[in-house]
C-alpha atoms as a PDB file:
ATOM      1  CA  UNK A   1      68.833  27.106 -90.842  1.00  0.00           C
ATOM      2  CA  UNK A   2      65.329  25.962 -91.757  1.00  0.00           C
ATOM      3  CA  UNK A   3      62.525  28.042 -93.239  1.00  0.00           C
ATOM      4  CA  UNK A   4      60.789  28.441 -89.866  1.00  0.00           C
ATOM      5  CA  UNK A   5      63.857  30.171 -88.436  1.00  0.00           C
ATOM      6  CA  UNK A   6      64.727  32.057 -91.603  1.00  0.00           C
ATOM      7  CA  UNK A   7      61.218  33.454 -92.127  1.00  0.00           C
ATOM      8  CA  UNK A   8      60.153  33.716 -88.485  1.00  0.00           C
ATOM      9  CA  UNK A   9      59.039  37.370 -88.620  1.00  0.00           C
ATOM     10  CA  UNK A  10      57.057  36.898 -91.837  1.00  0.00           C
ATOM     11  CA  UNK A  11      55.453  33.723 -90.507  1.00  0.00           C
ATOM     12  CA  UNK A  12      54.445  35.380 -87.248  1.00  0.00           C
ATOM     13  CA  UNK A  13      52.955  38.383 -89.059  1.00  0.00           C
ATOM     14  CA  UNK A  14      50.993  36.331 -91.586  1.00  0.00           C
ATOM     15  CA  UNK A  15      49.874  33.724 -89.044  1.00  0.00           C
ATOM     16  CA  UNK A  16      48.561  36.508 -86.807  1.00  0.00           C
ATOM     17  CA  UNK A  17      46.677  38.177 -89.658  1.00  0.00           C
ATOM     18  CA  UNK A  18      45.370  35.078 -91.437  1.00  0.00           C
ATOM     19  CA  UNK A  19      45.561  32.170 -89.018  1.00  0.00           C
ATOM     20  CA  UNK A  20      48.152  29.411 -88.881  1.00  0.00           C
ATOM     21  CA  UNK A  21      47.330  27.550 -92.083  1.00  0.00           C
ATOM     22  CA  UNK A  22      46.635  30.501 -94.363  1.00  0.00           C
ATOM     23  CA  UNK A  23      49.572  32.433 -92.907  1.00  0.00           C
ATOM     24  CA  UNK A  24      52.014  29.659 -93.680  1.00  0.00           C
ATOM     25  CA  UNK A  25      50.546  29.217 -97.146  1.00  0.00           C
ATOM     26  CA  UNK A  26      50.925  32.963 -97.738  1.00  0.00           C
ATOM     27  CA  UNK A  27      54.617  32.818 -96.833  1.00  0.00           C
ATOM     28  CA  UNK A  28      55.060  29.760 -99.073  1.00  0.00           C
ATOM     29  CA  UNK A  29      53.361  31.691-101.872  1.00  0.00           C
ATOM     30  CA  UNK A  30      55.730  34.615-101.335  1.00  0.00           C
ATOM     31  CA  UNK A  31      58.723  32.253-101.484  1.00  0.00           C
ATOM     32  CA  UNK A  32      57.439  30.699-104.703  1.00  0.00           C
ATOM     33  CA  UNK A  33      56.824  34.122-106.237  1.00  0.00           C
ATOM     34  CA  UNK A  34      60.355  35.262-105.356  1.00  0.00           C
ATOM     35  CA  UNK A  35      61.764  32.055-106.840  1.00  0.00           C
ATOM     36  CA  UNK A  36      59.709  32.470-110.005  1.00  0.00           C
ATOM     37  CA  UNK A  37      61.129  35.953-110.442  1.00  0.00           C
ATOM     38  CA  UNK A  38      64.699  34.692-110.048  1.00  0.00           C
ATOM     39  CA  UNK A  39      64.178  31.800-112.464  1.00  0.00           C
ATOM     40  CA  UNK A  40      62.472  34.153-114.910  1.00  0.00           C
ATOM     41  CA  UNK A  41      65.432  36.521-114.791  1.00  0.00           C
ATOM     42  CA  UNK A  42      67.769  33.594-115.345  1.00  0.00           C
ATOM     43  CA  UNK A  43      65.639  32.571-118.336  1.00  0.00           C
ATOM     44  CA  UNK A  44      66.514  35.823-120.075  1.00  0.00           C
ATOM     45  CA  UNK A  45      70.113  34.638-120.347  1.00  0.00           C
ATOM     46  CA  UNK A  46      69.501  30.900-120.837  1.00  0.00           C
ATOM     47  CA  UNK A  47      67.383  30.771-123.953  1.00  0.00           C
ATOM     48  CA  UNK A  48      66.243  27.785-125.955  1.00  0.00           C
ATOM     49  CA  UNK A  49      68.444  26.936-128.923  1.00  0.00           C
ATOM     50  CA  UNK A  50      65.318  26.113-130.947  1.00  0.00           C
ATOM     51  CA  UNK A  51      63.440  29.273-130.026  1.00  0.00           C
ATOM     52  CA  UNK A  52      65.628  32.094-128.669  1.00  0.00           C
ATOM     53  CA  UNK A  53      62.565  34.040-127.505  1.00  0.00           C
ATOM     54  CA  UNK A  54      61.778  31.293-124.933  1.00  0.00           C
ATOM     55  CA  UNK A  55      63.739  30.109-121.874  1.00  0.00           C
ATOM     56  CA  UNK A  56      65.694  26.866-122.063  1.00  0.00           C
ATOM     57  CA  UNK A  57      63.565  23.717-121.784  1.00  0.00           C
ATOM     58  CA  UNK A  58      64.743  22.878-118.276  1.00  0.00           C
ATOM     59  CA  UNK A  59      63.822  26.371-117.078  1.00  0.00           C
ATOM     60  CA  UNK A  60      60.437  26.089-118.782  1.00  0.00           C
ATOM     61  CA  UNK A  61      59.798  22.873-116.817  1.00  0.00           C
ATOM     62  CA  UNK A  62      60.849  24.495-113.534  1.00  0.00           C
ATOM     63  CA  UNK A  63      58.692  27.563-114.196  1.00  0.00           C
ATOM     64  CA  UNK A  64      55.718  25.396-115.094  1.00  0.00           C
ATOM     65  CA  UNK A  65      56.034  23.334-111.927  1.00  0.00           C
ATOM     66  CA  UNK A  66      56.404  26.403-109.739  1.00  0.00           C
ATOM     67  CA  UNK A  67      53.438  28.129-111.361  1.00  0.00           C
ATOM     68  CA  UNK A  68      51.376  24.982-110.807  1.00  0.00           C
ATOM     69  CA  UNK A  69      52.383  24.840-107.143  1.00  0.00           C
ATOM     70  CA  UNK A  70      51.510  28.511-106.773  1.00  0.00           C
ATOM     71  CA  UNK A  71      48.051  27.936-108.293  1.00  0.00           C
ATOM     72  CA  UNK A  72      47.444  25.006-105.927  1.00  0.00           C
ATOM     73  CA  UNK A  73      48.448  27.057-102.886  1.00  0.00           C
ATOM     74  CA  UNK A  74      46.181  29.903-103.987  1.00  0.00           C
ATOM     75  CA  UNK A  75      43.259  27.509-104.407  1.00  0.00           C
ATOM     76  CA  UNK A  76      43.797  26.044-100.915  1.00  0.00           C
ATOM     77  CA  UNK A  77      43.921  29.548 -99.438  1.00  0.00           C
ATOM     78  CA  UNK A  78      40.627  30.410-101.145  1.00  0.00           C
ATOM     79  CA  UNK A  79      38.980  27.212 -99.859  1.00  0.00           C
ATOM     80  CA  UNK A  80      40.195  27.919 -96.322  1.00  0.00           C
ATOM     81  CA  UNK A  81      38.836  31.448 -96.589  1.00  0.00           C
ATOM     82  CA  UNK A  82      35.446  30.178 -97.795  1.00  0.00           C
ATOM     83  CA  UNK A  83      35.312  27.613 -94.997  1.00  0.00           C
ATOM     84  CA  UNK A  84      36.144  30.224 -92.412  1.00  0.00           C
ATOM     85  CA  UNK A  85      33.561  32.677 -93.759  1.00  0.00           C
ATOM     86  CA  UNK A  86      30.869  30.002 -93.837  1.00  0.00           C
ATOM     87  CA  UNK A  87      31.753  28.950 -90.305  1.00  0.00           C
ATOM     88  CA  UNK A  88      31.558  32.526 -89.030  1.00  0.00           C
ATOM     89  CA  UNK A  89      28.285  33.193 -90.864  1.00  0.00           C
ATOM     90  CA  UNK A  90      26.577  30.090 -89.473  1.00  0.00           C
ATOM     91  CA  UNK A  91      27.300  31.072 -85.855  1.00  0.00           C
ATOM     92  CA  UNK A  92      25.320  34.304 -86.009  1.00  0.00           C
END
């Protein structure tokens, strides 16, 4: 089953509220956030041998990549919102 089938209800709700692009990005952001939480919980048990207060190095890399992807998605959503607001404002 692909993500479009698995998350159909969430996609429909967010696409209706935010438009197609922003709605899909919002669902992607939710998926990333859920994954970050799971990896973070896993990091509690898989600590670095050099620094036990930090997650293992492979988990740190995964968390960093996911946080970067999340920041990029958020920035695209903000740009889409600005574009939409400017487009609406110029029509009046």
